[in-house]
Amino acid sequence: MAPATWSFVSLEPCFAMPHPNTKLFLPAQSWIGRPLPELAQALAEGSVSSEELTKAYLARIAEHDRACCAFIHVTAEFALAQARNCDAALADGRVLGPLH
């Protein structure tokens, strides 16, 4: 798995809360398990891309599926292509749905 990259760095103590208008850019892996409304907001704000989220979830599937056997077949390349299409549409101003 590729190392996480950060787009936002804070030098404030870890207990300090960021200003409410501050966009937090987290590594895509840290979006795993977040509530869907939060993911939708992050996508709309550009804090994370569809491709980044897809890669994070594909990595999670690869990490855990041998133990739980939840997937018969993972179409990773198709999922990434769809995510790139969604990101391109969003860049063109076309919103395809709440998780776009």
N, C-alpha and C. Protein backbone atom coordinates (compact mmCIF):
# COMPACT_ATOMS: atom_id res chain seq x y z
N MET A 1 0.84 -1.17 0.00
CA MET A 1 0.00 0.00 0.00
C MET A 1 0.88 1.24 0.00
N ALA A 2 0.50 2.22 -0.78
CA ALA A 2 1.27 3.46 -0.87
C ALA A 2 1.18 4.22 0.46
N PRO A 3 2.23 4.95 0.80
CA PRO A 3 2.19 5.71 2.05
C PRO A 3 1.15 6.82 1.97
N ALA A 4 0.57 7.14 3.11
CA ALA A 4 -0.42 8.20 3.17
C ALA A 4 0.25 9.54 2.93
N THR A 5 -0.46 10.42 2.27
CA THR A 5 0.05 11.77 2.07
C THR A 5 -0.88 12.74 2.77
N TRP A 6 -0.32 13.81 3.25
CA TRP A 6 -1.10 14.82 3.97
C TRP A 6 -1.10 16.11 3.18
N SER A 7 -2.26 16.74 3.09
CA SER A 7 -2.36 18.03 2.43
C SER A 7 -2.53 19.15 3.45
N PHE A 8 -2.75 18.80 4.70
CA PHE A 8 -2.97 19.79 5.75
C PHE A 8 -2.09 19.42 6.92
N VAL A 9 -1.33 20.35 7.40
CA VAL A 9 -0.47 20.10 8.55
C VAL A 9 -0.74 21.18 9.57
N SER A 10 -0.95 20.78 10.79
CA SER A 10 -1.20 21.73 11.88
C SER A 10 -0.06 21.62 12.88
N LEU A 11 0.44 22.74 13.31
CA LEU A 11 1.49 22.76 14.32
C LEU A 11 0.91 22.99 15.71
N GLU A 12 -0.40 23.07 15.80
CA GLU A 12 -1.05 23.29 17.09
C GLU A 12 -1.02 21.98 17.88
N PRO A 13 -1.14 22.08 19.20
CA PRO A 13 -1.17 20.86 20.02
C PRO A 13 -2.32 19.96 19.59
N CYS A 14 -2.15 18.66 19.82
CA CYS A 14 -3.14 17.70 19.34
C CYS A 14 -4.50 17.88 19.99
N PHE A 15 -4.59 18.53 21.13
CA PHE A 15 -5.88 18.73 21.79
C PHE A 15 -6.61 19.96 21.27
N ALA A 16 -5.94 20.78 20.47
CA ALA A 16 -6.56 22.00 19.94
C ALA A 16 -7.51 21.64 18.80
N MET A 17 -8.65 22.26 18.77
CA MET A 17 -9.62 22.05 17.70
C MET A 17 -9.35 23.08 16.61
N PRO A 18 -9.42 22.66 15.33
CA PRO A 18 -9.22 23.62 14.25
C PRO A 18 -10.39 24.59 14.17
N HIS A 19 -10.16 25.71 13.56
CA HIS A 19 -11.24 26.68 13.33
C HIS A 19 -12.34 25.99 12.54
N PRO A 20 -13.62 26.26 12.82
CA PRO A 20 -14.73 25.57 12.13
C PRO A 20 -14.69 25.70 10.61
N ASN A 21 -14.09 26.74 10.07
CA ASN A 21 -14.04 26.92 8.63
C ASN A 21 -12.81 26.28 7.99
N THR A 22 -11.98 25.63 8.79
CA THR A 22 -10.78 24.99 8.28
C THR A 22 -11.15 23.65 7.68
N LYS A 23 -10.72 23.43 6.44
CA LYS A 23 -10.91 22.13 5.80
C LYS A 23 -9.75 21.23 6.21
N LEU A 24 -10.07 20.07 6.72
CA LEU A 24 -9.04 19.11 7.09
C LEU A 24 -8.81 18.15 5.95
N PHE A 25 -7.60 18.05 5.49
CA PHE A 25 -7.25 17.13 4.43
C PHE A 25 -6.54 15.94 5.07
N LEU A 26 -7.26 14.84 5.18
CA LEU A 26 -6.75 13.66 5.83
C LEU A 26 -6.25 12.66 4.81
N PRO A 27 -5.32 11.77 5.21
CA PRO A 27 -4.94 10.71 4.27
C PRO A 27 -6.19 9.87 3.97
N ALA A 28 -6.30 9.40 2.76
CA ALA A 28 -7.51 8.69 2.34
C ALA A 28 -7.83 7.52 3.26
N GLN A 29 -6.81 6.82 3.74
CA GLN A 29 -7.06 5.67 4.60
C GLN A 29 -7.83 6.07 5.85
N SER A 30 -7.63 7.29 6.34
CA SER A 30 -8.31 7.70 7.56
C SER A 30 -9.79 7.99 7.33
N TRP A 31 -10.25 8.00 6.09
CA TRP A 31 -11.67 8.20 5.80
C TRP A 31 -12.45 6.90 5.99
N ILE A 32 -11.78 5.78 6.09
CA ILE A 32 -12.44 4.49 6.27
C ILE A 32 -13.26 4.51 7.56
N GLY A 33 -14.52 4.09 7.45
CA GLY A 33 -15.38 4.00 8.62
C GLY A 33 -16.07 5.29 9.01
N ARG A 34 -15.80 6.36 8.31
CA ARG A 34 -16.46 7.63 8.61
C ARG A 34 -17.91 7.57 8.14
N PRO A 35 -18.81 8.32 8.76
CA PRO A 35 -20.21 8.33 8.34
C PRO A 35 -20.36 8.83 6.90
N LEU A 36 -21.33 8.28 6.18
CA LEU A 36 -21.54 8.66 4.78
C LEU A 36 -21.78 10.16 4.60
N PRO A 37 -22.55 10.84 5.46
CA PRO A 37 -22.70 12.29 5.27
C PRO A 37 -21.37 13.04 5.34
N GLU A 38 -20.47 12.56 6.18
CA GLU A 38 -19.14 13.18 6.29
C GLU A 38 -18.33 12.94 5.01
N LEU A 39 -18.43 11.73 4.46
CA LEU A 39 -17.73 11.43 3.20
C LEU A 39 -18.30 12.28 2.06
N ALA A 40 -19.62 12.41 2.03
CA ALA A 40 -20.27 13.23 0.98
C ALA A 40 -19.80 14.67 1.07
N GLN A 41 -19.72 15.20 2.28
CA GLN A 41 -19.27 16.58 2.46
C GLN A 41 -17.81 16.72 2.04
N ALA A 42 -16.98 15.76 2.40
CA ALA A 42 -15.56 15.81 2.04
C ALA A 42 -15.39 15.76 0.53
N LEU A 43 -16.19 14.95 -0.16
CA LEU A 43 -16.13 14.88 -1.62
C LEU A 43 -16.56 16.22 -2.22
N ALA A 44 -17.64 16.79 -1.70
CA ALA A 44 -18.15 18.07 -2.22
C ALA A 44 -17.15 19.20 -2.02
N GLU A 45 -16.45 19.18 -0.88
CA GLU A 45 -15.47 20.23 -0.57
C GLU A 45 -14.13 20.01 -1.26
N GLY A 46 -13.92 18.81 -1.77
CA GLY A 46 -12.63 18.51 -2.40
C GLY A 46 -11.57 18.07 -1.41
N SER A 47 -11.97 17.74 -0.18
CA SER A 47 -11.01 17.26 0.81
C SER A 47 -10.47 15.89 0.46
N VAL A 48 -11.24 15.13 -0.31
CA VAL A 48 -10.84 13.80 -0.75
C VAL A 48 -11.49 13.58 -2.11
N SER A 49 -10.87 12.78 -2.94
CA SER A 49 -11.44 12.48 -4.26
C SER A 49 -12.09 11.10 -4.25
N SER A 50 -12.93 10.86 -5.22
CA SER A 50 -13.54 9.53 -5.36
C SER A 50 -12.46 8.47 -5.56
N GLU A 51 -11.44 8.81 -6.33
CA GLU A 51 -10.36 7.85 -6.57
C GLU A 51 -9.61 7.53 -5.28
N GLU A 52 -9.32 8.54 -4.46
CA GLU A 52 -8.64 8.30 -3.20
C GLU A 52 -9.46 7.40 -2.28
N LEU A 53 -10.77 7.68 -2.20
CA LEU A 53 -11.64 6.84 -1.36
C LEU A 53 -11.69 5.42 -1.89
N THR A 54 -11.81 5.28 -3.19
CA THR A 54 -11.87 3.95 -3.80
C THR A 54 -10.60 3.18 -3.51
N LYS A 55 -9.45 3.82 -3.67
CA LYS A 55 -8.17 3.16 -3.38
C LYS A 55 -8.10 2.74 -1.91
N ALA A 56 -8.57 3.60 -1.02
CA ALA A 56 -8.54 3.28 0.41
C ALA A 56 -9.41 2.07 0.72
N TYR A 57 -10.61 2.04 0.13
CA TYR A 57 -11.50 0.90 0.38
C TYR A 57 -11.00 -0.37 -0.30
N LEU A 58 -10.40 -0.25 -1.48
CA LEU A 58 -9.81 -1.43 -2.12
C LEU A 58 -8.65 -1.98 -1.28
N ALA A 59 -7.86 -1.09 -0.70
CA ALA A 59 -6.77 -1.54 0.17
C ALA A 59 -7.33 -2.24 1.40
N ARG A 60 -8.42 -1.72 1.92
CA ARG A 60 -9.06 -2.35 3.09
C ARG A 60 -9.59 -3.74 2.73
N ILE A 61 -10.20 -3.84 1.55
CA ILE A 61 -10.69 -5.14 1.10
C ILE A 61 -9.52 -6.12 0.98
N ALA A 62 -8.43 -5.69 0.34
CA ALA A 62 -7.27 -6.55 0.17
C ALA A 62 -6.68 -6.99 1.51
N GLU A 63 -6.73 -6.09 2.47
CA GLU A 63 -6.16 -6.37 3.79
C GLU A 63 -7.00 -7.38 4.58
N HIS A 64 -8.32 -7.30 4.47
CA HIS A 64 -9.18 -8.08 5.36
C HIS A 64 -9.97 -9.20 4.69
N ASP A 65 -10.04 -9.24 3.37
CA ASP A 65 -10.96 -10.19 2.75
C ASP A 65 -10.54 -11.64 2.92
N ARG A 66 -9.26 -11.91 3.03
CA ARG A 66 -8.85 -13.32 3.22
C ARG A 66 -9.42 -13.89 4.52
N ALA A 67 -9.57 -13.04 5.51
CA ALA A 67 -10.07 -13.50 6.80
C ALA A 67 -11.60 -13.63 6.81
N CYS A 68 -12.29 -12.73 6.12
CA CYS A 68 -13.75 -12.75 6.20
C CYS A 68 -14.44 -13.25 4.93
N CYS A 69 -13.72 -13.35 3.83
CA CYS A 69 -14.27 -13.86 2.56
C CYS A 69 -15.60 -13.20 2.20
N ALA A 70 -15.62 -11.88 2.23
CA ALA A 70 -16.85 -11.13 1.96
C ALA A 70 -17.07 -10.90 0.47
N PHE A 71 -16.04 -11.05 -0.35
CA PHE A 71 -16.14 -10.76 -1.77
C PHE A 71 -15.79 -12.00 -2.59
N ILE A 72 -16.60 -12.28 -3.61
CA ILE A 72 -16.28 -13.36 -4.54
C ILE A 72 -15.28 -12.86 -5.56
N HIS A 73 -15.51 -11.64 -6.05
CA HIS A 73 -14.63 -11.05 -7.06
C HIS A 73 -14.59 -9.54 -6.86
N VAL A 74 -13.41 -8.98 -6.82
CA VAL A 74 -13.25 -7.53 -6.66
C VAL A 74 -12.81 -6.97 -8.00
N THR A 75 -13.59 -6.05 -8.53
CA THR A 75 -13.29 -5.43 -9.83
C THR A 75 -12.59 -4.09 -9.58
N ALA A 76 -11.35 -4.18 -9.13
CA ALA A 76 -10.60 -3.00 -8.72
C ALA A 76 -10.41 -2.01 -9.87
N GLU A 77 -9.99 -2.48 -11.03
CA GLU A 77 -9.74 -1.57 -12.15
C GLU A 77 -11.03 -0.87 -12.59
N PHE A 78 -12.14 -1.61 -12.61
CA PHE A 78 -13.43 -1.01 -12.97
C PHE A 78 -13.83 0.04 -11.93
N ALA A 79 -13.65 -0.29 -10.65
CA ALA A 79 -13.99 0.65 -9.58
C ALA A 79 -13.15 1.92 -9.69
N LEU A 80 -11.86 1.77 -9.97
CA LEU A 80 -10.99 2.95 -10.12
C LEU A 80 -11.37 3.77 -11.34
N ALA A 81 -11.73 3.11 -12.43
CA ALA A 81 -12.17 3.85 -13.63
C ALA A 81 -13.45 4.63 -13.34
N GLN A 82 -14.38 4.01 -12.63
CA GLN A 82 -15.62 4.70 -12.27
C GLN A 82 -15.32 5.90 -11.36
N ALA A 83 -14.42 5.72 -10.42
CA ALA A 83 -14.05 6.81 -9.51
C ALA A 83 -13.42 7.97 -10.28
N ARG A 84 -12.56 7.65 -11.25
CA ARG A 84 -11.94 8.70 -12.06
C ARG A 84 -12.99 9.43 -12.89
N ASN A 85 -13.97 8.69 -13.41
CA ASN A 85 -15.07 9.32 -14.15
C ASN A 85 -15.87 10.25 -13.26
N CYS A 86 -16.11 9.83 -12.04
CA CYS A 86 -16.85 10.68 -11.09
C CYS A 86 -16.05 11.94 -10.76
N ASP A 87 -14.75 11.79 -10.56
CA ASP A 87 -13.91 12.96 -10.28
C ASP A 87 -13.89 13.92 -11.47
N ALA A 88 -13.83 13.39 -12.68
CA ALA A 88 -13.84 14.24 -13.88
C ALA A 88 -15.17 14.97 -14.00
N ALA A 89 -16.27 14.28 -13.73
CA ALA A 89 -17.59 14.91 -13.80
C ALA A 89 -17.70 16.02 -12.76
N LEU A 90 -17.21 15.76 -11.56
CA LEU A 90 -17.25 16.77 -10.51
C LEU A 90 -16.41 17.98 -10.89
N ALA A 91 -15.27 17.75 -11.51
CA ALA A 91 -14.41 18.85 -11.96
C ALA A 91 -15.11 19.69 -13.03
N ASP A 92 -15.99 19.05 -13.81
CA ASP A 92 -16.76 19.76 -14.84
C ASP A 92 -18.01 20.42 -14.28
N GLY A 93 -18.24 20.27 -12.97
CA GLY A 93 -19.41 20.88 -12.35
C GLY A 93 -20.66 20.01 -12.38
N ARG A 94 -20.52 18.76 -12.80
CA ARG A 94 -21.66 17.83 -12.82
C ARG A 94 -21.66 16.99 -11.56
N VAL A 95 -22.70 17.11 -10.77
CA VAL A 95 -22.83 16.32 -9.55
C VAL A 95 -23.76 15.15 -9.87
N LEU A 96 -23.27 13.94 -9.67
CA LEU A 96 -24.02 12.75 -10.04
C LEU A 96 -24.84 12.18 -8.88
N GLY A 97 -24.65 12.67 -7.69
CA GLY A 97 -25.41 12.17 -6.55
C GLY A 97 -24.74 12.59 -5.25
N PRO A 98 -25.34 12.24 -4.12
CA PRO A 98 -24.82 12.71 -2.83
C PRO A 98 -23.44 12.19 -2.48
N LEU A 99 -23.06 11.01 -2.96
CA LEU A 99 -21.72 10.49 -2.68
C LEU A 99 -20.79 10.72 -3.87
N HIS A 100 -21.04 11.76 -4.58
CA HIS A 100 -20.21 12.08 -5.73
C HIS A 100 -19.37 13.21 -5.33
